[in-house]
Amino acid sequence: MENLPHISALDIENVPRRAQLIAYHVRAATEGLIKQQFGDEILDELFGLYSKKLQQQPSIFESVKAINFLVVLKCKAT
């Protein structure tokens, strides 16, 4: 496992794009659980609203700390 440096190409002036990117990341992490509990019909609307909420509160970006890990799993052939 290796710690990768965080490269932020987004700045606070690009709030809509940054909000959308955060919403995509949260969706990737939670979509399976939400889909299992509530179905996939609500996913697009839910994360669309989440992205809009993030755009309305750009101060949230100041408190976000990013940690990125890349883990590669290799299955041993038996």
PDB file of N, CA and C in Angstrom:
ATOM      1  N   MET A   1       0.856  -1.168   0.000  1.00  0.00           N
ATOM      2  CA  MET A   1       0.000   0.000   0.000  1.00  0.00           C
ATOM      3  C   MET A   1       0.896   1.222   0.000  1.00  0.00           C
ATOM      4  N   GLU A   2       0.478   2.219  -0.733  1.00  0.00           N
ATOM      5  CA  GLU A   2       1.282   3.418  -0.890  1.00  0.00           C
ATOM      6  C   GLU A   2       0.399   4.645  -0.718  1.00  0.00           C
ATOM      7  N   ASN A   3       0.868   5.645   0.004  1.00  0.00           N
ATOM      8  CA  ASN A   3       0.130   6.881   0.183  1.00  0.00           C
ATOM      9  C   ASN A   3       0.371   7.767  -1.028  1.00  0.00           C
ATOM     10  N   LEU A   4      -0.706   8.163  -1.705  1.00  0.00           N
ATOM     11  CA  LEU A   4      -0.597   8.997  -2.889  1.00  0.00           C
ATOM     12  C   LEU A   4      -0.810  10.457  -2.526  1.00  0.00           C
ATOM     13  N   PRO A   5      -0.042  11.368  -3.109  1.00  0.00           N
ATOM     14  CA  PRO A   5      -0.238  12.786  -2.803  1.00  0.00           C
ATOM     15  C   PRO A   5      -1.569  13.268  -3.370  1.00  0.00           C
ATOM     16  N   HIS A   6      -2.201  14.177  -2.628  1.00  0.00           N
ATOM     17  CA  HIS A   6      -3.485  14.729  -3.053  1.00  0.00           C
ATOM     18  C   HIS A   6      -3.226  15.879  -4.012  1.00  0.00           C
ATOM     19  N   ILE A   7      -3.812  15.817  -5.183  1.00  0.00           N
ATOM     20  CA  ILE A   7      -3.675  16.874  -6.173  1.00  0.00           C
ATOM     21  C   ILE A   7      -5.041  17.513  -6.341  1.00  0.00           C
ATOM     22  N   SER A   8      -5.150  18.769  -5.950  1.00  0.00           N
ATOM     23  CA  SER A   8      -6.431  19.464  -6.044  1.00  0.00           C
ATOM     24  C   SER A   8      -6.401  20.415  -7.231  1.00  0.00           C
ATOM     25  N   ALA A   9      -7.096  20.029  -8.302  1.00  0.00           N
ATOM     26  CA  ALA A   9      -7.194  20.884  -9.478  1.00  0.00           C
ATOM     27  C   ALA A   9      -8.392  21.812  -9.368  1.00  0.00           C
ATOM     28  N   LEU A  10      -9.177  21.613  -8.327  1.00  0.00           N
ATOM     29  CA  LEU A  10     -10.390  22.408  -8.160  1.00  0.00           C
ATOM     30  C   LEU A  10     -10.171  23.476  -7.108  1.00  0.00           C
ATOM     31  N   ASP A  11     -10.670  24.646  -7.366  1.00  0.00           N
ATOM     32  CA  ASP A  11     -10.591  25.711  -6.369  1.00  0.00           C
ATOM     33  C   ASP A  11     -11.997  26.133  -5.970  1.00  0.00           C
ATOM     34  N   ILE A  12     -12.075  26.975  -4.989  1.00  0.00           N
ATOM     35  CA  ILE A  12     -13.369  27.392  -4.447  1.00  0.00           C
ATOM     36  C   ILE A  12     -14.202  28.162  -5.477  1.00  0.00           C
ATOM     37  N   GLU A  13     -13.553  28.730  -6.506  1.00  0.00           N
ATOM     38  CA  GLU A  13     -14.290  29.457  -7.532  1.00  0.00           C
ATOM     39  C   GLU A  13     -15.087  28.515  -8.429  1.00  0.00           C
ATOM     40  N   ASN A  14     -14.733  27.253  -8.426  1.00  0.00           N
ATOM     41  CA  ASN A  14     -15.424  26.269  -9.247  1.00  0.00           C
ATOM     42  C   ASN A  14     -16.344  25.420  -8.373  1.00  0.00           C
ATOM     43  N   VAL A  15     -17.198  26.070  -7.616  1.00  0.00           N
ATOM     44  CA  VAL A  15     -18.063  25.398  -6.645  1.00  0.00           C
ATOM     45  C   VAL A  15     -18.980  24.357  -7.287  1.00  0.00           C
ATOM     46  N   PRO A  16     -19.677  24.632  -8.394  1.00  0.00           N
ATOM     47  CA  PRO A  16     -20.574  23.604  -8.944  1.00  0.00           C
ATOM     48  C   PRO A  16     -19.843  22.316  -9.316  1.00  0.00           C
ATOM     49  N   ARG A  17     -18.697  22.422  -9.928  1.00  0.00           N
ATOM     50  CA  ARG A  17     -17.936  21.233 -10.319  1.00  0.00           C
ATOM     51  C   ARG A  17     -17.432  20.487  -9.095  1.00  0.00           C
ATOM     52  N   ARG A  18     -16.959  21.226  -8.106  1.00  0.00           N
ATOM     53  CA  ARG A  18     -16.449  20.597  -6.883  1.00  0.00           C
ATOM     54  C   ARG A  18     -17.578  19.902  -6.112  1.00  0.00           C
ATOM     55  N   ALA A  19     -18.737  20.533  -6.044  1.00  0.00           N
ATOM     56  CA  ALA A  19     -19.888  19.927  -5.369  1.00  0.00           C
ATOM     57  C   ALA A  19     -20.302  18.651  -6.080  1.00  0.00           C
ATOM     58  N   GLN A  20     -20.305  18.679  -7.396  1.00  0.00           N
ATOM     59  CA  GLN A  20     -20.664  17.496  -8.172  1.00  0.00           C
ATOM     60  C   GLN A  20     -19.660  16.370  -7.940  1.00  0.00           C
ATOM     61  N   LEU A  21     -18.395  16.693  -7.884  1.00  0.00           N
ATOM     62  CA  LEU A  21     -17.354  15.689  -7.660  1.00  0.00           C
ATOM     63  C   LEU A  21     -17.495  15.040  -6.279  1.00  0.00           C
ATOM     64  N   ILE A  22     -17.756  15.838  -5.265  1.00  0.00           N
ATOM     65  CA  ILE A  22     -17.957  15.290  -3.919  1.00  0.00           C
ATOM     66  C   ILE A  22     -19.199  14.403  -3.894  1.00  0.00           C
ATOM     67  N   ALA A  23     -20.270  14.844  -4.551  1.00  0.00           N
ATOM     68  CA  ALA A  23     -21.490  14.031  -4.610  1.00  0.00           C
ATOM     69  C   ALA A  23     -21.223  12.697  -5.308  1.00  0.00           C
ATOM     70  N   TYR A  24     -20.423  12.704  -6.361  1.00  0.00           N
ATOM     71  CA  TYR A  24     -20.064  11.455  -7.048  1.00  0.00           C
ATOM     72  C   TYR A  24     -19.296  10.518  -6.117  1.00  0.00           C
ATOM     73  N   HIS A  25     -18.373  11.072  -5.354  1.00  0.00           N
ATOM     74  CA  HIS A  25     -17.588  10.245  -4.435  1.00  0.00           C
ATOM     75  C   HIS A  25     -18.459   9.640  -3.342  1.00  0.00           C
ATOM     76  N   VAL A  26     -19.342  10.441  -2.782  1.00  0.00           N
ATOM     77  CA  VAL A  26     -20.236   9.933  -1.739  1.00  0.00           C
ATOM     78  C   VAL A  26     -21.176   8.882  -2.336  1.00  0.00           C
ATOM     79  N   ARG A  27     -21.631   9.125  -3.544  1.00  0.00           N
ATOM     80  CA  ARG A  27     -22.507   8.145  -4.199  1.00  0.00           C
ATOM     81  C   ARG A  27     -21.772   6.825  -4.422  1.00  0.00           C
ATOM     82  N   ALA A  28     -20.546   6.901  -4.866  1.00  0.00           N
ATOM     83  CA  ALA A  28     -19.773   5.676  -5.099  1.00  0.00           C
ATOM     84  C   ALA A  28     -19.610   4.867  -3.815  1.00  0.00           C
ATOM     85  N   ALA A  29     -19.471   5.559  -2.704  1.00  0.00           N
ATOM     86  CA  ALA A  29     -19.260   4.869  -1.426  1.00  0.00           C
ATOM     87  C   ALA A  29     -20.554   4.340  -0.813  1.00  0.00           C
ATOM     88  N   THR A  30     -21.684   4.983  -1.098  1.00  0.00           N
ATOM     89  CA  THR A  30     -22.917   4.632  -0.389  1.00  0.00           C
ATOM     90  C   THR A  30     -24.034   4.083  -1.272  1.00  0.00           C
ATOM     91  N   GLU A  31     -23.839   4.094  -2.569  1.00  0.00           N
ATOM     92  CA  GLU A  31     -24.918   3.711  -3.487  1.00  0.00           C
ATOM     93  C   GLU A  31     -25.436   2.299  -3.224  1.00  0.00           C
ATOM     94  N   GLY A  32     -24.549   1.358  -2.997  1.00  0.00           N
ATOM     95  CA  GLY A  32     -24.976  -0.019  -2.772  1.00  0.00           C
ATOM     96  C   GLY A  32     -25.903  -0.163  -1.577  1.00  0.00           C
ATOM     97  N   LEU A  33     -25.547   0.477  -0.485  1.00  0.00           N
ATOM     98  CA  LEU A  33     -26.357   0.409   0.724  1.00  0.00           C
ATOM     99  C   LEU A  33     -27.719   1.084   0.534  1.00  0.00           C
ATOM    100  N   ILE A  34     -27.716   2.259  -0.064  1.00  0.00           N
ATOM    101  CA  ILE A  34     -28.967   2.984  -0.294  1.00  0.00           C
ATOM    102  C   ILE A  34     -29.855   2.210  -1.264  1.00  0.00           C
ATOM    103  N   LYS A  35     -29.256   1.670  -2.304  1.00  0.00           N
ATOM    104  CA  LYS A  35     -30.008   0.892  -3.290  1.00  0.00           C
ATOM    105  C   LYS A  35     -30.649  -0.341  -2.654  1.00  0.00           C
ATOM    106  N   GLN A  36     -29.903  -0.994  -1.777  1.00  0.00           N
ATOM    107  CA  GLN A  36     -30.405  -2.190  -1.104  1.00  0.00           C
ATOM    108  C   GLN A  36     -31.586  -1.856  -0.191  1.00  0.00           C
ATOM    109  N   GLN A  37     -31.517  -0.742   0.505  1.00  0.00           N
ATOM    110  CA  GLN A  37     -32.550  -0.385   1.474  1.00  0.00           C
ATOM    111  C   GLN A  37     -33.759   0.318   0.855  1.00  0.00           C
ATOM    112  N   PHE A  38     -33.522   1.166  -0.172  1.00  0.00           N
ATOM    113  CA  PHE A  38     -34.594   2.009  -0.692  1.00  0.00           C
ATOM    114  C   PHE A  38     -34.887   1.814  -2.171  1.00  0.00           C
ATOM    115  N   GLY A  39     -34.091   1.034  -2.871  1.00  0.00           N
ATOM    116  CA  GLY A  39     -34.261   0.848  -4.310  1.00  0.00           C
ATOM    117  C   GLY A  39     -33.467   1.872  -5.097  1.00  0.00           C
ATOM    118  N   ASP A  40     -33.300   1.605  -6.381  1.00  0.00           N
ATOM    119  CA  ASP A  40     -32.472   2.495  -7.191  1.00  0.00           C
ATOM    120  C   ASP A  40     -33.241   3.643  -7.837  1.00  0.00           C
ATOM    121  N   GLU A  41     -34.551   3.700  -7.608  1.00  0.00           N
ATOM    122  CA  GLU A  41     -35.363   4.758  -8.210  1.00  0.00           C
ATOM    123  C   GLU A  41     -35.021   6.142  -7.657  1.00  0.00           C
ATOM    124  N   ILE A  42     -34.555   6.213  -6.431  1.00  0.00           N
ATOM    125  CA  ILE A  42     -34.323   7.512  -5.778  1.00  0.00           C
ATOM    126  C   ILE A  42     -32.895   8.024  -5.931  1.00  0.00           C
ATOM    127  N   LEU A  43     -31.984   7.206  -6.448  1.00  0.00           N
ATOM    128  CA  LEU A  43     -30.562   7.555  -6.421  1.00  0.00           C
ATOM    129  C   LEU A  43     -30.230   8.844  -7.159  1.00  0.00           C
ATOM    130  N   ASP A  44     -30.685   8.979  -8.395  1.00  0.00           N
ATOM    131  CA  ASP A  44     -30.353  10.181  -9.168  1.00  0.00           C
ATOM    132  C   ASP A  44     -30.884  11.445  -8.503  1.00  0.00           C
ATOM    133  N   GLU A  45     -32.133  11.392  -8.049  1.00  0.00           N
ATOM    134  CA  GLU A  45     -32.720  12.567  -7.397  1.00  0.00           C
ATOM    135  C   GLU A  45     -32.004  12.881  -6.081  1.00  0.00           C
ATOM    136  N   LEU A  46     -31.720  11.851  -5.287  1.00  0.00           N
ATOM    137  CA  LEU A  46     -31.059  12.035  -3.997  1.00  0.00           C
ATOM    138  C   LEU A  46     -29.705  12.715  -4.146  1.00  0.00           C
ATOM    139  N   PHE A  47     -28.875  12.207  -5.037  1.00  0.00           N
ATOM    140  CA  PHE A  47     -27.531  12.767  -5.167  1.00  0.00           C
ATOM    141  C   PHE A  47     -27.523  14.063  -5.963  1.00  0.00           C
ATOM    142  N   GLY A  48     -28.535  14.286  -6.784  1.00  0.00           N
ATOM    143  CA  GLY A  48     -28.694  15.588  -7.423  1.00  0.00           C
ATOM    144  C   GLY A  48     -29.002  16.668  -6.392  1.00  0.00           C
ATOM    145  N   LEU A  49     -29.902  16.330  -5.470  1.00  0.00           N
ATOM    146  CA  LEU A  49     -30.235  17.269  -4.389  1.00  0.00           C
ATOM    147  C   LEU A  49     -29.035  17.484  -3.463  1.00  0.00           C
ATOM    148  N   TYR A  50     -28.286  16.425  -3.208  1.00  0.00           N
ATOM    149  CA  TYR A  50     -27.088  16.547  -2.362  1.00  0.00           C
ATOM    150  C   TYR A  50     -26.069  17.487  -3.008  1.00  0.00           C
ATOM    151  N   SER A  51     -25.869  17.358  -4.302  1.00  0.00           N
ATOM    152  CA  SER A  51     -24.944  18.237  -5.013  1.00  0.00           C
ATOM    153  C   SER A  51     -25.410  19.697  -4.938  1.00  0.00           C
ATOM    154  N   LYS A  52     -26.714  19.925  -5.112  1.00  0.00           N
ATOM    155  CA  LYS A  52     -27.249  21.289  -5.012  1.00  0.00           C
ATOM    156  C   LYS A  52     -27.066  21.860  -3.611  1.00  0.00           C
ATOM    157  N   LYS A  53     -27.262  21.018  -2.589  1.00  0.00           N
ATOM    158  CA  LYS A  53     -27.080  21.462  -1.209  1.00  0.00           C
ATOM    159  C   LYS A  53     -25.620  21.857  -0.969  1.00  0.00           C
ATOM    160  N   LEU A  54     -24.695  21.080  -1.511  1.00  0.00           N
ATOM    161  CA  LEU A  54     -23.276  21.420  -1.372  1.00  0.00           C
ATOM    162  C   LEU A  54     -22.961  22.752  -2.052  1.00  0.00           C
ATOM    163  N   GLN A  55     -23.596  23.009  -3.194  1.00  0.00           N
ATOM    164  CA  GLN A  55     -23.370  24.275  -3.896  1.00  0.00           C
ATOM    165  C   GLN A  55     -23.879  25.462  -3.084  1.00  0.00           C
ATOM    166  N   GLN A  56     -24.945  25.244  -2.316  1.00  0.00           N
ATOM    167  CA  GLN A  56     -25.505  26.315  -1.499  1.00  0.00           C
ATOM    168  C   GLN A  56     -24.641  26.605  -0.269  1.00  0.00           C
ATOM    169  N   GLN A  57     -23.815  25.658   0.127  1.00  0.00           N
ATOM    170  CA  GLN A  57     -22.973  25.795   1.317  1.00  0.00           C
ATOM    171  C   GLN A  57     -21.494  25.627   0.941  1.00  0.00           C
ATOM    172  N   PRO A  58     -20.903  26.531   0.158  1.00  0.00           N
ATOM    173  CA  PRO A  58     -19.515  26.352  -0.282  1.00  0.00           C
ATOM    174  C   PRO A  58     -18.500  26.364   0.860  1.00  0.00           C
ATOM    175  N   SER A  59     -18.889  26.849   2.034  1.00  0.00           N
ATOM    176  CA  SER A  59     -17.957  26.856   3.166  1.00  0.00           C
ATOM    177  C   SER A  59     -17.597  25.440   3.611  1.00  0.00           C
ATOM    178  N   ILE A  60     -18.411  24.460   3.240  1.00  0.00           N
ATOM    179  CA  ILE A  60     -18.122  23.072   3.625  1.00  0.00           C
ATOM    180  C   ILE A  60     -16.820  22.589   2.997  1.00  0.00           C
ATOM    181  N   PHE A  61     -16.441  23.148   1.848  1.00  0.00           N
ATOM    182  CA  PHE A  61     -15.217  22.717   1.181  1.00  0.00           C
ATOM    183  C   PHE A  61     -13.968  23.047   1.992  1.00  0.00           C
ATOM    184  N   GLU A  62     -14.050  24.074   2.826  1.00  0.00           N
ATOM    185  CA  GLU A  62     -12.897  24.476   3.627  1.00  0.00           C
ATOM    186  C   GLU A  62     -12.555  23.440   4.697  1.00  0.00           C
ATOM    187  N   SER A  63     -13.547  22.670   5.131  1.00  0.00           N
ATOM    188  CA  SER A  63     -13.312  21.720   6.210  1.00  0.00           C
ATOM    189  C   SER A  63     -13.068  20.298   5.717  1.00  0.00           C
ATOM    190  N   VAL A  64     -13.128  20.093   4.404  1.00  0.00           N
ATOM    191  CA  VAL A  64     -12.946  18.742   3.860  1.00  0.00           C
ATOM    192  C   VAL A  64     -11.458  18.410   3.798  1.00  0.00           C
ATOM    193  N   LYS A  65     -11.091  17.343   4.461  1.00  0.00           N
ATOM    194  CA  LYS A  65      -9.717  16.846   4.411  1.00  0.00           C
ATOM    195  C   LYS A  65      -9.727  15.593   3.540  1.00  0.00           C
ATOM    196  N   ALA A  66      -8.845  15.533   2.592  1.00  0.00           N
ATOM    197  CA  ALA A  66      -8.844  14.404   1.665  1.00  0.00           C
ATOM    198  C   ALA A  66      -7.719  13.432   2.001  1.00  0.00           C
ATOM    199  N   ILE A  67      -8.064  12.181   2.016  1.00  0.00           N
ATOM    200  CA  ILE A  67      -7.091  11.112   2.177  1.00  0.00           C
ATOM    201  C   ILE A  67      -7.356  10.116   1.066  1.00  0.00           C
ATOM    202  N   ASN A  68      -6.370   9.858   0.270  1.00  0.00           N
ATOM    203  CA  ASN A  68      -6.528   8.933  -0.842  1.00  0.00           C
ATOM    204  C   ASN A  68      -5.635   7.725  -0.631  1.00  0.00           C
ATOM    205  N   PHE A  69      -6.201   6.560  -0.825  1.00  0.00           N
ATOM    206  CA  PHE A  69      -5.447   5.324  -0.760  1.00  0.00           C
ATOM    207  C   PHE A  69      -5.736   4.516  -2.013  1.00  0.00           C
ATOM    208  N   LEU A  70      -4.711   3.899  -2.524  1.00  0.00           N
ATOM    209  CA  LEU A  70      -4.871   2.992  -3.644  1.00  0.00           C
ATOM    210  C   LEU A  70      -4.442   1.616  -3.146  1.00  0.00           C
ATOM    211  N   VAL A  71      -5.374   0.686  -3.149  1.00  0.00           N
ATOM    212  CA  VAL A  71      -5.089  -0.667  -2.708  1.00  0.00           C
ATOM    213  C   VAL A  71      -5.392  -1.607  -3.847  1.00  0.00           C
ATOM    214  N   VAL A  72      -4.422  -2.401  -4.215  1.00  0.00           N
ATOM    215  CA  VAL A  72      -4.611  -3.375  -5.288  1.00  0.00           C
ATOM    216  C   VAL A  72      -4.641  -4.755  -4.657  1.00  0.00           C
ATOM    217  N   LEU A  73      -5.731  -5.476  -4.885  1.00  0.00           N
ATOM    218  CA  LEU A  73      -5.875  -6.823  -4.359  1.00  0.00           C
ATOM    219  C   LEU A  73      -5.641  -7.805  -5.499  1.00  0.00           C
ATOM    220  N   LYS A  74      -4.859  -8.808  -5.214  1.00  0.00           N
ATOM    221  CA  LYS A  74      -4.537  -9.808  -6.228  1.00  0.00           C
ATOM    222  C   LYS A  74      -4.931 -11.173  -5.690  1.00  0.00           C
ATOM    223  N   CYS A  75      -5.747 -11.856  -6.450  1.00  0.00           N
ATOM    224  CA  CYS A  75      -6.211 -13.170  -6.041  1.00  0.00           C
ATOM    225  C   CYS A  75      -5.155 -14.212  -6.396  1.00  0.00           C
ATOM    226  N   LYS A  76      -4.797 -15.043  -5.419  1.00  0.00           N
ATOM    227  CA  LYS A  76      -3.852 -16.118  -5.691  1.00  0.00           C
ATOM    228  C   LYS A  76      -4.551 -17.235  -6.443  1.00  0.00           C
ATOM    229  N   ALA A  77      -3.942 -17.687  -7.506  1.00  0.00           N
ATOM    230  CA  ALA A  77      -4.503 -18.801  -8.262  1.00  0.00           C
ATOM    231  C   ALA A  77      -4.234 -20.090  -7.486  1.00  0.00           C
ATOM    232  N   THR A  78      -5.233 -20.931  -7.364  1.00  0.00           N
ATOM    233  CA  THR A  78      -5.057 -22.181  -6.623  1.00  0.00           C
ATOM    234  C   THR A  78      -4.840 -23.346  -7.541  1.00  0.00           C
TER     235      THR A  78
END
